[in-house]
Amino acid sequence: MRFTSHSLILASIVCALGGCVQMHPTRSGFLTDYGELAPIDKRDRVRITPVDADALAGIDSFCIEPVEWLADAMGQPATSEKRQVAMQDAFQSALVEELGKIRPIVEEPGPQTAVVRAAVTGVRESRPWVNLFLSAQIAGPLFNGGAAAEIEVLAADGRQIAAESAGFTGHDWDVIGYFWGPNHPRSALRQAARRLARELEACESP
């Protein structure tokens, strides 16, 4: 009887809260152009605009604007302002780290500098207390977190060199993320930055 009761409780929680979170690419209106965005994976987690190789070849640096926060307007906000700022900072740092491997990062744009614009368009934090309860029942944590983001790289004349709209969840191996809400969204935002950098690098490969 006790097992049956626990099973009913677990089933009720899963039905009420929706289970494992899934994040998807967004169309917030932030990007200057969405026309050529296309899915590049079967799960439709990432949509990419083909990189303008000629425009990228003429770029000698990146200037990364402060990350904007659009998650509230899209109905997927953070649980607190402090966590919002932490996620924005993590995304900003990831963009600097990943794009800095391709071109120098500068604070002021020059004639051959590309401007990088990015926005967090949605977050879903994990559910620590529910995951703790599930772990105590030997079911393991089920409620992960994730984030959605939009990024674009613009030439000095405003031409879109590359763009991405992506929705990622945190890594499954990030067990702490199941019990600390911001971890998975921050991990997802780093994945978004890394994915765009990979497209830019691939365009330059011989």
Protein backbone atom coordinates (compact mmCIF):
# COMPACT_ATOMS: atom_id res chain seq x y z
CA MET A 1 0.00 0.00 0.00
CA ARG A 2 2.84 2.39 0.83
CA PHE A 3 4.47 1.77 -2.56
CA THR A 4 1.15 2.40 -4.28
CA SER A 5 0.68 5.70 -2.44
CA HIS A 6 4.16 6.88 -3.37
CA SER A 7 3.59 5.89 -6.98
CA LEU A 8 0.38 7.89 -7.08
CA ILE A 9 2.14 10.90 -5.59
CA LEU A 10 4.95 10.68 -8.13
CA ALA A 11 2.51 10.31 -10.99
CA SER A 12 0.52 13.32 -9.78
CA ILE A 13 3.65 15.48 -9.56
CA VAL A 14 4.81 14.51 -13.04
CA CYS A 15 1.39 15.21 -14.54
CA ALA A 16 1.01 18.52 -12.72
CA LEU A 17 4.46 19.92 -13.42
CA GLY A 18 5.12 18.59 -16.89
CA GLY A 19 8.25 16.51 -16.33
CA CYS A 20 11.53 17.07 -18.12
CA VAL A 21 11.72 20.59 -19.53
CA GLN A 22 12.23 21.06 -23.28
CA MET A 23 13.47 24.39 -24.63
CA HIS A 24 12.94 25.49 -28.23
CA PRO A 25 14.23 28.21 -30.57
CA THR A 26 12.31 31.49 -30.27
CA ARG A 27 11.28 34.34 -32.55
CA SER A 28 11.25 37.29 -30.16
CA GLY A 29 11.79 40.02 -32.74
CA PHE A 30 15.27 40.69 -31.39
CA LEU A 31 17.20 39.59 -34.50
CA THR A 32 17.34 41.93 -37.47
CA ASP A 33 16.41 39.07 -39.80
CA TYR A 34 14.86 35.64 -39.22
CA GLY A 35 14.37 34.82 -42.90
CA GLU A 36 17.19 32.30 -43.37
CA LEU A 37 17.13 30.60 -39.98
CA ALA A 38 16.88 26.84 -40.47
CA PRO A 39 17.02 23.83 -38.10
CA ILE A 40 20.35 22.01 -38.07
CA ASP A 41 19.45 19.11 -35.78
CA LYS A 42 16.60 16.61 -35.71
CA ARG A 43 15.44 17.77 -32.29
CA ASP A 44 15.07 21.35 -33.58
CA ARG A 45 17.06 22.77 -30.69
CA VAL A 46 19.12 25.08 -32.90
CA ARG A 47 18.27 27.21 -35.90
CA ILE A 48 21.15 28.84 -37.73
CA THR A 49 21.50 31.33 -40.57
CA PRO A 50 24.27 30.24 -42.97
CA VAL A 51 27.44 32.19 -42.22
CA ASP A 52 28.33 34.87 -44.77
CA ALA A 53 31.90 33.69 -45.36
CA ASP A 54 32.93 36.71 -47.41
CA ALA A 55 31.72 39.14 -44.78
CA LEU A 56 33.37 37.13 -42.00
CA ALA A 57 36.69 37.16 -43.87
CA GLY A 58 36.69 40.95 -43.73
CA ILE A 59 36.21 41.03 -39.96
CA ASP A 60 39.23 41.51 -37.68
CA SER A 61 37.49 41.71 -34.27
CA PHE A 62 34.24 41.30 -32.36
CA CYS A 63 32.52 43.86 -30.14
CA ILE A 64 30.02 42.11 -27.89
CA GLU A 65 27.15 44.27 -26.72
CA PRO A 66 25.66 43.69 -23.23
CA VAL A 67 23.31 40.70 -23.25
CA GLU A 68 19.68 41.73 -23.25
CA TRP A 69 16.97 40.06 -21.20
CA LEU A 70 13.73 39.28 -23.04
CA ALA A 71 12.68 36.20 -21.08
CA ASP A 72 10.05 38.07 -19.07
CA ALA A 73 8.32 39.35 -22.20
CA MET A 74 8.35 35.82 -23.64
CA GLY A 75 6.71 34.38 -20.52
CA GLN A 76 9.74 32.44 -19.30
CA PRO A 77 11.38 34.62 -16.61
CA ALA A 78 13.95 33.87 -13.95
CA THR A 79 12.76 33.30 -10.40
CA SER A 80 14.60 36.36 -9.09
CA GLU A 81 16.42 39.45 -10.33
CA LYS A 82 19.66 38.19 -8.80
CA ARG A 83 19.46 34.98 -10.81
CA GLN A 84 18.56 36.92 -13.93
CA VAL A 85 21.72 39.01 -13.64
CA ALA A 86 23.80 35.90 -12.98
CA MET A 87 22.48 34.26 -16.14
CA GLN A 88 23.10 37.35 -18.24
CA ASP A 89 26.65 37.57 -16.89
CA ALA A 90 27.27 33.88 -17.59
CA PHE A 91 26.04 34.28 -21.17
CA GLN A 92 28.18 37.39 -21.68
CA SER A 93 31.26 35.59 -20.38
CA ALA A 94 30.57 32.57 -22.60
CA LEU A 95 30.30 34.77 -25.70
CA VAL A 96 33.58 36.49 -24.87
CA GLU A 97 35.30 33.16 -24.24
CA GLU A 98 34.00 31.33 -27.31
CA LEU A 99 34.16 34.14 -29.87
CA GLY A 100 37.51 35.29 -28.51
CA LYS A 101 38.97 32.06 -29.90
CA ILE A 102 38.07 33.26 -33.41
CA ARG A 103 38.76 37.01 -33.35
CA PRO A 104 40.01 39.47 -30.71
CA ILE A 105 37.30 41.00 -28.52
CA VAL A 106 37.30 44.80 -28.47
CA GLU A 107 35.32 47.30 -26.40
CA GLU A 108 34.81 49.84 -29.18
CA PRO A 109 34.01 48.81 -32.77
CA GLY A 110 36.35 49.77 -35.61
CA PRO A 111 35.77 49.71 -39.38
CA GLN A 112 36.37 45.95 -39.54
CA THR A 113 34.69 45.02 -36.28
CA ALA A 114 31.58 42.86 -36.18
CA VAL A 115 29.02 43.68 -33.51
CA VAL A 116 27.60 40.72 -31.61
CA ARG A 117 24.09 41.10 -30.20
CA ALA A 118 22.59 38.49 -27.88
CA ALA A 119 19.46 38.08 -25.80
CA VAL A 120 18.13 35.56 -23.32
CA THR A 121 14.61 34.83 -24.54
CA GLY A 122 13.54 32.21 -22.03
CA VAL A 123 14.63 30.27 -18.97
CA ARG A 124 13.31 27.32 -17.06
CA GLU A 125 15.02 26.62 -13.77
CA SER A 126 15.09 23.12 -12.32
CA ARG A 127 12.78 22.19 -9.45
CA PRO A 128 15.15 21.36 -6.57
CA TRP A 129 12.59 20.41 -3.92
CA VAL A 130 10.65 18.17 -6.27
CA ASN A 131 13.90 16.57 -7.46
CA LEU A 132 14.96 16.02 -3.86
CA PHE A 133 11.66 14.32 -3.13
CA LEU A 134 11.95 12.14 -6.23
CA SER A 135 15.52 11.19 -5.34
CA ALA A 136 14.38 10.15 -1.87
CA GLN A 137 11.86 7.83 -3.55
CA ILE A 138 14.67 6.23 -5.64
CA ALA A 139 13.15 7.68 -8.79
CA GLY A 140 15.99 10.14 -9.32
CA PRO A 141 15.64 13.81 -10.28
CA LEU A 142 13.42 14.44 -13.30
CA PHE A 143 12.92 18.19 -13.50
CA ASN A 144 15.86 19.77 -15.27
CA GLY A 145 16.29 23.35 -16.46
CA GLY A 146 17.29 25.14 -19.65
CA ALA A 147 17.31 28.39 -21.56
CA ALA A 148 16.58 29.89 -24.97
CA ALA A 149 18.70 32.55 -26.63
CA GLU A 150 19.08 34.51 -29.83
CA ILE A 151 22.43 35.76 -31.15
CA GLU A 152 23.52 37.59 -34.28
CA VAL A 153 26.79 38.88 -35.70
CA LEU A 154 26.54 42.10 -37.71
CA ALA A 155 29.09 43.69 -40.04
CA ALA A 156 29.82 47.41 -39.81
CA ASP A 157 27.26 48.08 -42.56
CA GLY A 158 24.56 46.21 -40.62
CA ARG A 159 24.70 43.09 -42.77
CA GLN A 160 23.91 39.91 -40.82
CA ILE A 161 26.99 37.68 -40.94
CA ALA A 162 25.49 34.91 -38.82
CA ALA A 163 22.53 34.33 -36.55
CA GLU A 164 21.23 31.70 -34.17
CA SER A 165 18.07 30.97 -32.26
CA ALA A 166 18.47 28.06 -29.87
CA GLY A 167 16.90 26.32 -26.93
CA PHE A 168 19.02 24.00 -24.83
CA THR A 169 18.60 22.10 -21.58
CA GLY A 170 21.37 21.65 -19.04
CA HIS A 171 23.69 18.69 -19.34
CA ASP A 172 22.33 15.48 -17.79
CA TRP A 173 25.64 14.89 -16.06
CA ASP A 174 25.28 18.23 -14.23
CA VAL A 175 23.62 16.58 -11.25
CA ILE A 176 24.05 19.69 -9.09
CA GLY A 177 21.92 21.55 -11.63
CA TYR A 178 18.91 19.48 -10.64
CA PHE A 179 19.20 20.88 -7.12
CA TRP A 180 20.43 24.42 -7.85
CA GLY A 181 17.99 26.18 -10.17
CA PRO A 182 20.28 28.52 -12.18
CA ASN A 183 22.90 25.90 -13.13
CA HIS A 184 21.11 24.31 -16.06
CA PRO A 185 20.02 27.62 -17.68
CA ARG A 186 23.58 28.94 -17.43
CA SER A 187 24.87 25.72 -18.99
CA ALA A 188 22.31 26.04 -21.78
CA LEU A 189 23.40 29.60 -22.54
CA ARG A 190 27.02 28.52 -22.73
CA GLN A 191 25.96 25.82 -25.21
CA ALA A 192 24.28 28.49 -27.36
CA ALA A 193 27.46 30.60 -27.42
CA ARG A 194 29.59 27.55 -28.20
CA ARG A 195 27.28 26.46 -31.03
CA LEU A 196 27.48 29.78 -32.83
CA ALA A 197 31.27 29.88 -32.44
CA ARG A 198 31.43 26.40 -33.96
CA GLU A 199 29.54 27.60 -37.04
CA LEU A 200 31.89 30.54 -37.47
CA GLU A 201 34.95 28.31 -37.05
CA ALA A 202 33.62 25.77 -39.54
CA CYS A 203 33.18 28.52 -42.11
CA GLU A 204 36.87 29.34 -41.87
CA SER A 205 38.10 25.76 -42.05
CA PRO A 206 39.92 24.89 -45.32
